Amino acid sequence: MRSRVPGPTAVEAGPPLPAPTAGATDARTFVVPRALAGMRLDQALARMLPEHSRSRLKGWIDAGHVTVAGMAWDGKRRVAGGEDVTIAQRPEATADAAVAQDIALDIVYEDESIIILDKPAGLVVHPGSGNRDGTLQNALLHHDPALAAIPRAGIVHRLDKDTSGLMVVARTEAAHTSLVRQLAARTMSREYLAIARGDVAQALTIDAPIGRHPTQRMTMAVVAKGKPARTHVEVIERFGIATLVRCRLETGRTHQIRVHLAAIGHPLVGDPAYGGRRSAAGVPAFARQALHATRLALVHPATGRSMRFDAPAPADLAALIESLRNSRAAAPR
């Protein structure tokens, strides 16, 4: 592990978030407060355990892991107050079944609630078909075995295998819930450096729905019935044959930047899925899509402080930028 900076840029953002209520620990029995009388069980649990998302609590109820006076209840059944409620098992503790593996991590910042890391290109985020191990999730479990109790070892968002850059990982269930909610509310800011083919003329916002490609099922596309997707594109530097841009995500669809830039005729340099079969004339070969998550801003789940992290372009991307600058300088005027 390499720890690169002493800490993030932090700015006050109002009072701290509420502390988790008593009962945010492992399986236990507690009493429903009389003040919650008349609420549905799922609503009462959400009030008592705000560090857990409603979907997580619903999953526990539906799976029979929550009992009232020793009996399984439907989540819609109303409480009277004073009932003994038991959460008998935490299903996530054994979910995923990923094993810990000693894989180097580039840790930018960490504390008791979160880990900020700079993922290298080539590292898959979590196990899946064709990638049962050797992933970021395996590495996180080795770095902190306690992450086995958090869904997907605390991973709340992902980067494609060959996209490098910043990611946040939750170390507690309260942090996990907070970060997921920030993503859903679009209050977590994510910015990317990208090198697009061709000359991007000006800053623009691409607002086009994204869904599964109608015939190529392994890729995504702009489709009328897709999910809303919006990408803000800022031009940083033009090379004639390519353009360095900064992309800010307002939504987080699969392959969003790659799909959106390809849809406007400026696919990423090196993109094997969306760049077309023919390489662009004069553009240096690049072994992956030229995309790097360079900035991440969020509200700390425990302190309520606004935090911003920056990661410069990795060596391969920096070398590509320099090569493009040299090509521009050598071009006839």
C-alpha atoms as a PDB file:
ATOM      1  CA  MET A   1       0.000   0.000   0.000  1.00  0.00           C
ATOM      2  CA  ARG A   2       1.212   3.504  -0.775  1.00  0.00           C
ATOM      3  CA  SER A   3      -0.192   6.371   1.261  1.00  0.00           C
ATOM      4  CA  ARG A   4       0.449   9.479  -0.804  1.00  0.00           C
ATOM      5  CA  VAL A   5      -0.969  12.499   0.950  1.00  0.00           C
ATOM      6  CA  PRO A   6      -1.589  13.394   4.611  1.00  0.00           C
ATOM      7  CA  GLY A   7      -5.211  14.265   4.023  1.00  0.00           C
ATOM      8  CA  PRO A   8      -7.807  15.869   1.759  1.00  0.00           C
ATOM      9  CA  THR A   9      -8.878  19.403   1.198  1.00  0.00           C
ATOM     10  CA  ALA A  10     -11.676  19.874   3.736  1.00  0.00           C
ATOM     11  CA  VAL A  11     -14.272  22.645   3.928  1.00  0.00           C
ATOM     12  CA  GLU A  12     -16.938  22.998   6.578  1.00  0.00           C
ATOM     13  CA  ALA A  13     -20.372  21.994   5.297  1.00  0.00           C
ATOM     14  CA  GLY A  14     -22.740  22.670   8.164  1.00  0.00           C
ATOM     15  CA  PRO A  15     -23.224  20.565  11.308  1.00  0.00           C
ATOM     16  CA  PRO A  16     -22.072  16.954  11.469  1.00  0.00           C
ATOM     17  CA  LEU A  17     -24.404  14.220  10.338  1.00  0.00           C
ATOM     18  CA  PRO A  18     -26.372  12.522  13.154  1.00  0.00           C
ATOM     19  CA  ALA A  19     -24.471   9.826  14.994  1.00  0.00           C
ATOM     20  CA  PRO A  20     -25.727   6.258  14.559  1.00  0.00           C
ATOM     21  CA  THR A  21     -28.341   5.217  17.092  1.00  0.00           C
ATOM     22  CA  ALA A  22     -27.701   2.562  19.643  1.00  0.00           C
ATOM     23  CA  GLY A  23     -28.276  -0.749  17.989  1.00  0.00           C
ATOM     24  CA  ALA A  24     -26.067  -0.231  14.955  1.00  0.00           C
ATOM     25  CA  THR A  25     -24.016  -3.258  15.955  1.00  0.00           C
ATOM     26  CA  ASP A  26     -24.331  -6.934  15.131  1.00  0.00           C
ATOM     27  CA  ALA A  27     -27.417  -9.094  15.715  1.00  0.00           C
ATOM     28  CA  ARG A  28     -29.351  -8.055  18.806  1.00  0.00           C
ATOM     29  CA  THR A  29     -32.739  -7.451  20.410  1.00  0.00           C
ATOM     30  CA  PHE A  30     -34.138  -4.003  21.177  1.00  0.00           C
ATOM     31  CA  VAL A  31     -37.437  -2.366  22.134  1.00  0.00           C
ATOM     32  CA  VAL A  32     -39.559  -0.257  19.801  1.00  0.00           C
ATOM     33  CA  PRO A  33     -40.048   3.204  21.393  1.00  0.00           C
ATOM     34  CA  ARG A  34     -43.607   4.145  22.266  1.00  0.00           C
ATOM     35  CA  ALA A  35     -43.174   7.316  20.200  1.00  0.00           C
ATOM     36  CA  LEU A  36     -43.172   5.162  17.046  1.00  0.00           C
ATOM     37  CA  ALA A  37     -46.548   3.557  17.788  1.00  0.00           C
ATOM     38  CA  GLY A  38     -48.682   3.273  14.655  1.00  0.00           C
ATOM     39  CA  MET A  39     -45.756   3.171  12.233  1.00  0.00           C
ATOM     40  CA  ARG A  40     -45.151   0.260   9.897  1.00  0.00           C
ATOM     41  CA  LEU A  41     -42.380  -2.050  11.006  1.00  0.00           C
ATOM     42  CA  ASP A  42     -40.141  -1.084   8.088  1.00  0.00           C
ATOM     43  CA  GLN A  43     -40.689   2.615   8.806  1.00  0.00           C
ATOM     44  CA  ALA A  44     -40.024   2.169  12.507  1.00  0.00           C
ATOM     45  CA  LEU A  45     -36.789   0.316  11.803  1.00  0.00           C
ATOM     46  CA  ALA A  46     -35.706   3.073   9.423  1.00  0.00           C
ATOM     47  CA  ARG A  47     -36.259   5.630  12.208  1.00  0.00           C
ATOM     48  CA  MET A  48     -34.405   3.560  14.804  1.00  0.00           C
ATOM     49  CA  LEU A  49     -31.552   2.533  12.536  1.00  0.00           C
ATOM     50  CA  PRO A  50     -30.874   5.463  10.187  1.00  0.00           C
ATOM     51  CA  GLU A  51     -27.399   4.148   9.423  1.00  0.00           C
ATOM     52  CA  HIS A  52     -29.037   1.391   7.364  1.00  0.00           C
ATOM     53  CA  SER A  53     -30.755   2.031   4.046  1.00  0.00           C
ATOM     54  CA  ARG A  54     -34.453   1.240   3.691  1.00  0.00           C
ATOM     55  CA  SER A  55     -33.656  -1.326   1.013  1.00  0.00           C
ATOM     56  CA  ARG A  56     -31.230  -3.129   3.342  1.00  0.00           C
ATOM     57  CA  LEU A  57     -33.780  -3.208   6.167  1.00  0.00           C
ATOM     58  CA  LYS A  58     -36.482  -4.421   3.781  1.00  0.00           C
ATOM     59  CA  GLY A  59     -34.166  -7.183   2.623  1.00  0.00           C
ATOM     60  CA  TRP A  60     -33.633  -8.324   6.206  1.00  0.00           C
ATOM     61  CA  ILE A  61     -37.384  -8.301   6.875  1.00  0.00           C
ATOM     62  CA  ASP A  62     -38.232 -10.180   3.674  1.00  0.00           C
ATOM     63  CA  ALA A  63     -35.532 -12.786   4.384  1.00  0.00           C
ATOM     64  CA  GLY A  64     -36.934 -13.429   7.866  1.00  0.00           C
ATOM     65  CA  HIS A  65     -33.937 -11.999   9.696  1.00  0.00           C
ATOM     66  CA  VAL A  66     -36.143  -9.574  11.663  1.00  0.00           C
ATOM     67  CA  THR A  67     -38.592 -10.973  14.218  1.00  0.00           C
ATOM     68  CA  VAL A  68     -41.033  -9.303  16.616  1.00  0.00           C
ATOM     69  CA  ALA A  69     -41.631 -11.183  19.853  1.00  0.00           C
ATOM     70  CA  GLY A  70     -40.066 -14.218  18.195  1.00  0.00           C
ATOM     71  CA  MET A  71     -42.290 -14.127  15.105  1.00  0.00           C
ATOM     72  CA  ALA A  72     -41.574 -12.976  11.555  1.00  0.00           C
ATOM     73  CA  TRP A  73     -43.587  -9.923  10.591  1.00  0.00           C
ATOM     74  CA  ASP A  74     -44.515  -8.359   7.289  1.00  0.00           C
ATOM     75  CA  GLY A  75     -42.802  -5.001   6.899  1.00  0.00           C
ATOM     76  CA  LYS A  76     -46.172  -3.277   6.471  1.00  0.00           C
ATOM     77  CA  ARG A  77     -47.523  -4.487   9.810  1.00  0.00           C
ATOM     78  CA  ARG A  78     -47.827  -1.635  12.308  1.00  0.00           C
ATOM     79  CA  VAL A  79     -46.083  -1.539  15.665  1.00  0.00           C
ATOM     80  CA  ALA A  80     -47.717  -0.486  18.913  1.00  0.00           C
ATOM     81  CA  GLY A  81     -44.496   0.451  20.692  1.00  0.00           C
ATOM     82  CA  GLY A  82     -42.827  -1.611  23.364  1.00  0.00           C
ATOM     83  CA  GLU A  83     -42.328  -4.714  21.144  1.00  0.00           C
ATOM     84  CA  ASP A  84     -39.104  -6.705  21.348  1.00  0.00           C
ATOM     85  CA  VAL A  85     -37.512  -6.692  17.893  1.00  0.00           C
ATOM     86  CA  THR A  86     -34.626  -9.006  17.062  1.00  0.00           C
ATOM     87  CA  ILE A  87     -32.345  -8.755  14.067  1.00  0.00           C
ATOM     88  CA  ALA A  88     -31.195 -12.353  14.148  1.00  0.00           C
ATOM     89  CA  GLN A  89     -28.569 -12.374  11.421  1.00  0.00           C
ATOM     90  CA  ARG A  90     -26.670  -9.956   9.235  1.00  0.00           C
ATOM     91  CA  PRO A  91     -26.825 -11.500   5.751  1.00  0.00           C
ATOM     92  CA  GLU A  92     -24.140  -9.193   4.307  1.00  0.00           C
ATOM     93  CA  ALA A  93     -21.548 -10.545   6.706  1.00  0.00           C
ATOM     94  CA  THR A  94     -21.175 -13.658   4.585  1.00  0.00           C
ATOM     95  CA  ALA A  95     -22.280 -12.217   1.246  1.00  0.00           C
ATOM     96  CA  ASP A  96     -20.058 -12.052  -1.810  1.00  0.00           C
ATOM     97  CA  ALA A  97     -17.794 -14.907  -0.592  1.00  0.00           C
ATOM     98  CA  ALA A  98     -14.725 -13.056  -1.863  1.00  0.00           C
ATOM     99  CA  VAL A  99     -11.386 -14.048  -0.353  1.00  0.00           C
ATOM    100  CA  ALA A 100      -8.713 -11.697   0.921  1.00  0.00           C
ATOM    101  CA  GLN A 101      -5.708 -11.349  -1.371  1.00  0.00           C
ATOM    102  CA  ASP A 102      -2.509  -9.389  -0.893  1.00  0.00           C
ATOM    103  CA  ILE A 103      -2.832  -6.956  -3.804  1.00  0.00           C
ATOM    104  CA  ALA A 104      -1.192  -3.528  -3.630  1.00  0.00           C
ATOM    105  CA  LEU A 105      -3.516  -0.579  -3.084  1.00  0.00           C
ATOM    106  CA  ASP A 106      -2.734   3.076  -3.692  1.00  0.00           C
ATOM    107  CA  ILE A 107      -4.440   4.669  -0.681  1.00  0.00           C
ATOM    108  CA  VAL A 108      -4.899   8.421  -0.975  1.00  0.00           C
ATOM    109  CA  TYR A 109      -6.684   8.868   2.360  1.00  0.00           C
ATOM    110  CA  GLU A 110      -8.317   6.719   5.028  1.00  0.00           C
ATOM    111  CA  ASP A 111      -9.926   7.049   8.433  1.00  0.00           C
ATOM    112  CA  GLU A 112     -12.368   4.996  10.494  1.00  0.00           C
ATOM    113  CA  SER A 113     -15.245   5.630   8.075  1.00  0.00           C
ATOM    114  CA  ILE A 114     -13.878   5.766   4.536  1.00  0.00           C
ATOM    115  CA  ILE A 115     -11.002   4.822   2.262  1.00  0.00           C
ATOM    116  CA  ILE A 116     -10.135   6.899  -0.803  1.00  0.00           C
ATOM    117  CA  LEU A 117      -7.978   5.026  -3.295  1.00  0.00           C
ATOM    118  CA  ASP A 118      -6.497   5.575  -6.737  1.00  0.00           C
ATOM    119  CA  LYS A 119      -7.359   2.473  -8.771  1.00  0.00           C
ATOM    120  CA  PRO A 120      -4.852   1.510 -11.457  1.00  0.00           C
ATOM    121  CA  ALA A 121      -5.954   0.588 -14.952  1.00  0.00           C
ATOM    122  CA  GLY A 122      -6.292  -3.167 -15.372  1.00  0.00           C
ATOM    123  CA  LEU A 123      -7.735  -3.865 -11.915  1.00  0.00           C
ATOM    124  CA  VAL A 124     -11.291  -5.237 -11.900  1.00  0.00           C
ATOM    125  CA  VAL A 125     -13.410  -3.748  -9.103  1.00  0.00           C
ATOM    126  CA  HIS A 126     -15.244  -6.835  -7.839  1.00  0.00           C
ATOM    127  CA  PRO A 127     -15.456 -10.542  -8.680  1.00  0.00           C
ATOM    128  CA  GLY A 128     -17.683 -11.572 -11.546  1.00  0.00           C
ATOM    129  CA  SER A 129     -17.833 -13.809 -14.560  1.00  0.00           C
ATOM    130  CA  GLY A 130     -14.274 -14.407 -15.734  1.00  0.00           C
ATOM    131  CA  ASN A 131     -12.800 -12.558 -12.747  1.00  0.00           C
ATOM    132  CA  ARG A 132     -13.308 -14.669  -9.642  1.00  0.00           C
ATOM    133  CA  ASP A 133     -10.357 -13.167  -7.803  1.00  0.00           C
ATOM    134  CA  GLY A 134      -7.534 -10.685  -8.199  1.00  0.00           C
ATOM    135  CA  THR A 135      -9.983  -7.793  -7.863  1.00  0.00           C
ATOM    136  CA  LEU A 136     -10.144  -4.606  -5.849  1.00  0.00           C
ATOM    137  CA  GLN A 137     -12.631  -6.283  -3.526  1.00  0.00           C
ATOM    138  CA  ASN A 138     -10.152  -9.066  -2.775  1.00  0.00           C
ATOM    139  CA  ALA A 139      -7.471  -6.453  -2.093  1.00  0.00           C
ATOM    140  CA  LEU A 140      -9.728  -4.481   0.255  1.00  0.00           C
ATOM    141  CA  LEU A 141     -10.516  -7.575   2.317  1.00  0.00           C
ATOM    142  CA  HIS A 142      -6.791  -8.125   2.824  1.00  0.00           C
ATOM    143  CA  HIS A 143      -6.239  -4.467   3.724  1.00  0.00           C
ATOM    144  CA  ASP A 144      -9.124  -4.480   6.241  1.00  0.00           C
ATOM    145  CA  PRO A 145     -10.716  -7.874   7.074  1.00  0.00           C
ATOM    146  CA  ALA A 146     -13.585  -6.074   8.865  1.00  0.00           C
ATOM    147  CA  LEU A 147     -14.868  -5.009   5.439  1.00  0.00           C
ATOM    148  CA  ALA A 148     -16.253  -8.541   5.062  1.00  0.00           C
ATOM    149  CA  ALA A 149     -19.242  -7.311   7.112  1.00  0.00           C
ATOM    150  CA  ILE A 150     -20.018  -4.499   4.625  1.00  0.00           C
ATOM    151  CA  PRO A 151     -21.792  -5.147   1.296  1.00  0.00           C
ATOM    152  CA  ARG A 152     -19.183  -5.692  -1.446  1.00  0.00           C
ATOM    153  CA  ALA A 153     -16.436  -4.852   1.037  1.00  0.00           C
ATOM    154  CA  GLY A 154     -17.638  -1.258   1.179  1.00  0.00           C
ATOM    155  CA  ILE A 155     -17.508  -0.540  -2.570  1.00  0.00           C
ATOM    156  CA  VAL A 156     -20.306   1.914  -3.409  1.00  0.00           C
ATOM    157  CA  HIS A 157     -19.448   2.769  -7.015  1.00  0.00           C
ATOM    158  CA  ARG A 158     -17.231   1.272  -9.674  1.00  0.00           C
ATOM    159  CA  LEU A 159     -14.799   2.088 -12.425  1.00  0.00           C
ATOM    160  CA  ASP A 160     -14.331  -0.005 -15.548  1.00  0.00           C
ATOM    161  CA  LYS A 161     -11.367  -2.379 -15.466  1.00  0.00           C
ATOM    162  CA  ASP A 162      -9.262  -0.188 -17.759  1.00  0.00           C
ATOM    163  CA  THR A 163     -10.318   3.145 -16.266  1.00  0.00           C
ATOM    164  CA  SER A 164      -7.971   4.484 -13.612  1.00  0.00           C
ATOM    165  CA  GLY A 165      -8.623   6.898 -10.781  1.00  0.00           C
ATOM    166  CA  LEU A 166     -10.339   7.777  -7.548  1.00  0.00           C
ATOM    167  CA  MET A 167     -12.882   5.650  -5.718  1.00  0.00           C
ATOM    168  CA  VAL A 168     -14.409   5.836  -2.244  1.00  0.00           C
ATOM    169  CA  VAL A 169     -14.936   2.775  -0.047  1.00  0.00           C
ATOM    170  CA  ALA A 170     -17.110   2.683   3.095  1.00  0.00           C
ATOM    171  CA  ARG A 171     -15.671   1.087   6.243  1.00  0.00           C
ATOM    172  CA  THR A 172     -18.929   1.041   8.216  1.00  0.00           C
ATOM    173  CA  GLU A 173     -22.545   0.355   7.365  1.00  0.00           C
ATOM    174  CA  ALA A 174     -23.453   3.909   8.342  1.00  0.00           C
ATOM    175  CA  ALA A 175     -20.840   5.267   5.948  1.00  0.00           C
ATOM    176  CA  HIS A 176     -22.015   2.879   3.225  1.00  0.00           C
ATOM    177  CA  THR A 177     -25.606   4.075   3.546  1.00  0.00           C
ATOM    178  CA  SER A 178     -24.562   7.740   3.544  1.00  0.00           C
ATOM    179  CA  LEU A 179     -22.379   7.382   0.444  1.00  0.00           C
ATOM    180  CA  VAL A 180     -25.035   5.448  -1.470  1.00  0.00           C
ATOM    181  CA  ARG A 181     -27.526   8.180  -0.640  1.00  0.00           C
ATOM    182  CA  GLN A 182     -25.091  10.865  -1.814  1.00  0.00           C
ATOM    183  CA  LEU A 183     -24.714   9.048  -5.119  1.00  0.00           C
ATOM    184  CA  ALA A 184     -28.477   8.759  -5.504  1.00  0.00           C
ATOM    185  CA  ALA A 185     -28.978  12.438  -4.656  1.00  0.00           C
ATOM    186  CA  ARG A 186     -26.170  13.408  -7.088  1.00  0.00           C
ATOM    187  CA  THR A 187     -24.354  15.316  -4.347  1.00  0.00           C
ATOM    188  CA  MET A 188     -21.168  13.298  -4.771  1.00  0.00           C
ATOM    189  CA  SER A 189     -19.123  14.981  -7.495  1.00  0.00           C
ATOM    190  CA  ARG A 190     -16.981  12.891  -9.872  1.00  0.00           C
ATOM    191  CA  GLU A 191     -14.768  14.376 -12.567  1.00  0.00           C
ATOM    192  CA  TYR A 192     -12.698  12.590 -15.194  1.00  0.00           C
ATOM    193  CA  LEU A 193      -9.853  13.431 -17.533  1.00  0.00           C
ATOM    194  CA  ALA A 194     -10.434  11.972 -20.990  1.00  0.00           C
ATOM    195  CA  ILE A 195      -8.767  12.169 -24.373  1.00  0.00           C
ATOM    196  CA  ALA A 196     -11.335  12.200 -27.152  1.00  0.00           C
ATOM    197  CA  ARG A 197     -10.592  11.630 -30.794  1.00  0.00           C
ATOM    198  CA  GLY A 198     -10.939  14.619 -33.077  1.00  0.00           C
ATOM    199  CA  ASP A 199     -11.337  18.294 -32.283  1.00  0.00           C
ATOM    200  CA  VAL A 200     -14.032  18.925 -29.679  1.00  0.00           C
ATOM    201  CA  ALA A 201     -15.089  22.453 -30.610  1.00  0.00           C
ATOM    202  CA  GLN A 202     -16.443  23.763 -27.309  1.00  0.00           C
ATOM    203  CA  ALA A 203     -17.753  22.942 -23.864  1.00  0.00           C
ATOM    204  CA  LEU A 204     -21.080  21.152 -23.937  1.00  0.00           C
ATOM    205  CA  THR A 205     -23.528  19.090 -21.939  1.00  0.00           C
ATOM    206  CA  ILE A 206     -24.532  15.732 -23.360  1.00  0.00           C
ATOM    207  CA  ASP A 207     -28.033  14.851 -22.199  1.00  0.00           C
ATOM    208  CA  ALA A 208     -28.946  11.512 -23.774  1.00  0.00           C
ATOM    209  CA  PRO A 209     -30.496   8.363 -22.239  1.00  0.00           C
ATOM    210  CA  ILE A 210     -28.322   5.261 -22.020  1.00  0.00           C
ATOM    211  CA  GLY A 211     -29.394   1.638 -22.111  1.00  0.00           C
ATOM    212  CA  ARG A 212     -28.269  -1.754 -23.339  1.00  0.00           C
ATOM    213  CA  HIS A 213     -27.268  -1.790 -27.007  1.00  0.00           C
ATOM    214  CA  PRO A 214     -30.161  -3.328 -28.989  1.00  0.00           C
ATOM    215  CA  THR A 215     -27.963  -5.873 -30.799  1.00  0.00           C
ATOM    216  CA  GLN A 216     -24.559  -5.857 -29.063  1.00  0.00           C
ATOM    217  CA  ARG A 217     -25.643  -6.960 -25.617  1.00  0.00           C
ATOM    218  CA  MET A 218     -22.227  -6.540 -23.998  1.00  0.00           C
ATOM    219  CA  THR A 219     -22.174  -2.797 -24.648  1.00  0.00           C
ATOM    220  CA  MET A 220     -24.343   0.222 -23.933  1.00  0.00           C
ATOM    221  CA  ALA A 221     -25.739   2.853 -26.294  1.00  0.00           C
ATOM    222  CA  VAL A 222     -27.811   6.003 -26.472  1.00  0.00           C
ATOM    223  CA  VAL A 223     -31.345   4.608 -26.780  1.00  0.00           C
ATOM    224  CA  ALA A 224     -34.725   6.285 -26.553  1.00  0.00           C
ATOM    225  CA  LYS A 225     -35.932   4.083 -23.685  1.00  0.00           C
ATOM    226  CA  GLY A 226     -32.671   4.194 -21.755  1.00  0.00           C
ATOM    227  CA  LYS A 227     -32.114   5.719 -18.322  1.00  0.00           C
ATOM    228  CA  PRO A 228     -31.525   9.475 -18.136  1.00  0.00           C
ATOM    229  CA  ALA A 229     -27.832  10.348 -18.382  1.00  0.00           C
ATOM    230  CA  ARG A 230     -26.065  13.693 -18.384  1.00  0.00           C
ATOM    231  CA  THR A 231     -22.365  14.454 -18.860  1.00  0.00           C
ATOM    232  CA  HIS A 232     -20.796  17.913 -18.735  1.00  0.00           C
ATOM    233  CA  VAL A 233     -17.751  18.258 -20.999  1.00  0.00           C
ATOM    234  CA  GLU A 234     -15.104  20.987 -20.649  1.00  0.00           C
ATOM    235  CA  VAL A 235     -12.311  21.423 -23.191  1.00  0.00           C
ATOM    236  CA  ILE A 236      -8.874  21.600 -21.552  1.00  0.00           C
ATOM    237  CA  GLU A 237      -6.438  21.320 -24.455  1.00  0.00           C
ATOM    238  CA  ARG A 238      -6.735  20.738 -28.209  1.00  0.00           C
ATOM    239  CA  PHE A 239      -4.231  18.747 -30.240  1.00  0.00           C
ATOM    240  CA  GLY A 240      -6.047  18.856 -33.567  1.00  0.00           C
ATOM    241  CA  ILE A 241      -6.289  15.079 -33.911  1.00  0.00           C
ATOM    242  CA  ALA A 242      -7.527  14.684 -30.343  1.00  0.00           C
ATOM    243  CA  THR A 243      -8.800  16.782 -27.426  1.00  0.00           C
ATOM    244  CA  LEU A 244      -8.099  16.610 -23.701  1.00  0.00           C
ATOM    245  CA  VAL A 245     -11.399  17.149 -21.898  1.00  0.00           C
ATOM    246  CA  ARG A 246     -12.712  17.140 -18.363  1.00  0.00           C
ATOM    247  CA  CYS A 247     -16.009  15.289 -17.903  1.00  0.00           C
ATOM    248  CA  ARG A 248     -18.270  15.783 -14.901  1.00  0.00           C
ATOM    249  CA  LEU A 249     -20.922  13.170 -14.289  1.00  0.00           C
ATOM    250  CA  GLU A 250     -24.372  14.213 -13.195  1.00  0.00           C
ATOM    251  CA  THR A 251     -25.554  10.603 -13.399  1.00  0.00           C
ATOM    252  CA  GLY A 252     -23.623   7.346 -13.201  1.00  0.00           C
ATOM    253  CA  ARG A 253     -24.712   5.013 -15.994  1.00  0.00           C
ATOM    254  CA  THR A 254     -22.569   2.124 -17.135  1.00  0.00           C
ATOM    255  CA  HIS A 255     -19.871   3.340 -19.572  1.00  0.00           C
ATOM    256  CA  GLN A 256     -21.536   6.777 -19.520  1.00  0.00           C
ATOM    257  CA  ILE A 257     -18.601   8.947 -20.651  1.00  0.00           C
ATOM    258  CA  ARG A 258     -17.500   6.397 -23.234  1.00  0.00           C
ATOM    259  CA  VAL A 259     -20.990   6.119 -24.718  1.00  0.00           C
ATOM    260  CA  HIS A 260     -21.743   9.836 -24.675  1.00  0.00           C
ATOM    261  CA  LEU A 261     -18.494  10.921 -26.323  1.00  0.00           C
ATOM    262  CA  ALA A 262     -18.832   8.210 -28.970  1.00  0.00           C
ATOM    263  CA  ALA A 263     -22.405   9.357 -29.634  1.00  0.00           C
ATOM    264  CA  ILE A 264     -21.223  12.872 -30.568  1.00  0.00           C
ATOM    265  CA  GLY A 265     -18.490  11.527 -32.836  1.00  0.00           C
ATOM    266  CA  HIS A 266     -15.581  11.860 -30.408  1.00  0.00           C
ATOM    267  CA  PRO A 267     -14.914   8.399 -28.931  1.00  0.00           C
ATOM    268  CA  LEU A 268     -12.154   7.987 -26.390  1.00  0.00           C
ATOM    269  CA  VAL A 269      -8.681   7.266 -27.684  1.00  0.00           C
ATOM    270  CA  GLY A 270      -7.918   3.576 -27.170  1.00  0.00           C
ATOM    271  CA  ASP A 271     -11.510   2.570 -26.432  1.00  0.00           C
ATOM    272  CA  PRO A 272     -11.923  -1.006 -27.718  1.00  0.00           C
ATOM    273  CA  ALA A 273     -15.713  -1.081 -27.355  1.00  0.00           C
ATOM    274  CA  TYR A 274     -16.828   2.352 -28.528  1.00  0.00           C
ATOM    275  CA  GLY A 275     -13.921   3.659 -30.586  1.00  0.00           C
ATOM    276  CA  GLY A 276     -14.690   1.810 -33.799  1.00  0.00           C
ATOM    277  CA  ARG A 277     -12.522  -0.770 -35.510  1.00  0.00           C
ATOM    278  CA  ARG A 278     -10.241   1.702 -37.272  1.00  0.00           C
ATOM    279  CA  SER A 279      -7.745   3.829 -35.377  1.00  0.00           C
ATOM    280  CA  ALA A 280      -7.805   7.567 -35.935  1.00  0.00           C
ATOM    281  CA  ALA A 281      -5.140   8.880 -38.285  1.00  0.00           C
ATOM    282  CA  GLY A 282      -2.183  10.324 -36.440  1.00  0.00           C
ATOM    283  CA  VAL A 283      -3.410   9.409 -32.943  1.00  0.00           C
ATOM    284  CA  PRO A 284      -0.797   7.388 -31.026  1.00  0.00           C
ATOM    285  CA  ALA A 285      -1.761   3.833 -30.086  1.00  0.00           C
ATOM    286  CA  PHE A 286      -3.010   3.521 -26.526  1.00  0.00           C
ATOM    287  CA  ALA A 287      -3.591   0.221 -24.722  1.00  0.00           C
ATOM    288  CA  ARG A 288      -6.818   1.213 -22.949  1.00  0.00           C
ATOM    289  CA  GLN A 289      -9.552   3.818 -23.035  1.00  0.00           C
ATOM    290  CA  ALA A 290      -7.963   7.176 -22.197  1.00  0.00           C
ATOM    291  CA  LEU A 291     -10.078   7.855 -19.114  1.00  0.00           C
ATOM    292  CA  HIS A 292      -9.038   8.718 -15.555  1.00  0.00           C
ATOM    293  CA  ALA A 293     -11.185   9.635 -12.529  1.00  0.00           C
ATOM    294  CA  THR A 294      -9.244  12.682 -11.429  1.00  0.00           C
ATOM    295  CA  ARG A 295     -11.450  14.364  -8.815  1.00  0.00           C
ATOM    296  CA  LEU A 296     -13.884  13.141  -6.165  1.00  0.00           C
ATOM    297  CA  ALA A 297     -15.876  15.371  -3.808  1.00  0.00           C
ATOM    298  CA  LEU A 298     -18.217  14.163  -1.074  1.00  0.00           C
ATOM    299  CA  VAL A 299     -19.564  14.834   2.392  1.00  0.00           C
ATOM    300  CA  HIS A 300     -17.815  12.798   5.057  1.00  0.00           C
ATOM    301  CA  PRO A 301     -20.371  10.291   6.396  1.00  0.00           C
ATOM    302  CA  ALA A 302     -19.398  10.780  10.048  1.00  0.00           C
ATOM    303  CA  THR A 303     -18.290  14.419  10.357  1.00  0.00           C
ATOM    304  CA  GLY A 304     -20.438  16.150   7.741  1.00  0.00           C
ATOM    305  CA  ARG A 305     -17.382  17.947   6.327  1.00  0.00           C
ATOM    306  CA  SER A 306     -17.057  18.542   2.595  1.00  0.00           C
ATOM    307  CA  MET A 307     -13.978  16.762   1.252  1.00  0.00           C
ATOM    308  CA  ARG A 308     -12.270  16.899  -2.122  1.00  0.00           C
ATOM    309  CA  PHE A 309      -9.597  14.592  -3.491  1.00  0.00           C
ATOM    310  CA  ASP A 310      -7.514  14.945  -6.647  1.00  0.00           C
ATOM    311  CA  ALA A 311      -5.405  12.361  -8.472  1.00  0.00           C
ATOM    312  CA  PRO A 312      -3.131  13.440 -11.345  1.00  0.00           C
ATOM    313  CA  ALA A 313      -3.065  11.558 -14.629  1.00  0.00           C
ATOM    314  CA  PRO A 314      -1.164   8.267 -14.327  1.00  0.00           C
ATOM    315  CA  ALA A 315       2.085   7.752 -16.202  1.00  0.00           C
ATOM    316  CA  ASP A 316       0.576   6.161 -19.312  1.00  0.00           C
ATOM    317  CA  LEU A 317      -2.019   8.891 -19.764  1.00  0.00           C
ATOM    318  CA  ALA A 318       0.516  11.640 -19.068  1.00  0.00           C
ATOM    319  CA  ALA A 319       2.810  10.122 -21.715  1.00  0.00           C
ATOM    320  CA  LEU A 320      -0.046  10.090 -24.244  1.00  0.00           C
ATOM    321  CA  ILE A 321      -0.777  13.766 -23.559  1.00  0.00           C
ATOM    322  CA  GLU A 322       2.887  14.638 -24.039  1.00  0.00           C
ATOM    323  CA  SER A 323       3.017  12.657 -27.280  1.00  0.00           C
ATOM    324  CA  LEU A 324      -0.001  14.533 -28.598  1.00  0.00           C
ATOM    325  CA  ARG A 325       1.586  17.845 -27.679  1.00  0.00           C
ATOM    326  CA  ASN A 326       4.741  16.881 -29.546  1.00  0.00           C
ATOM    327  CA  SER A 327       2.698  15.864 -32.610  1.00  0.00           C
ATOM    328  CA  ARG A 328       0.891  19.189 -32.561  1.00  0.00           C
ATOM    329  CA  ALA A 329       4.178  21.081 -32.303  1.00  0.00           C
ATOM    330  CA  ALA A 330       5.646  19.127 -35.236  1.00  0.00           C
ATOM    331  CA  ALA A 331       2.609  19.582 -37.478  1.00  0.00           C
ATOM    332  CA  PRO A 332       3.046  21.987 -40.414  1.00  0.00           C
ATOM    333  CA  ARG A 333       1.426  25.357 -39.861  1.00  0.00           C
END
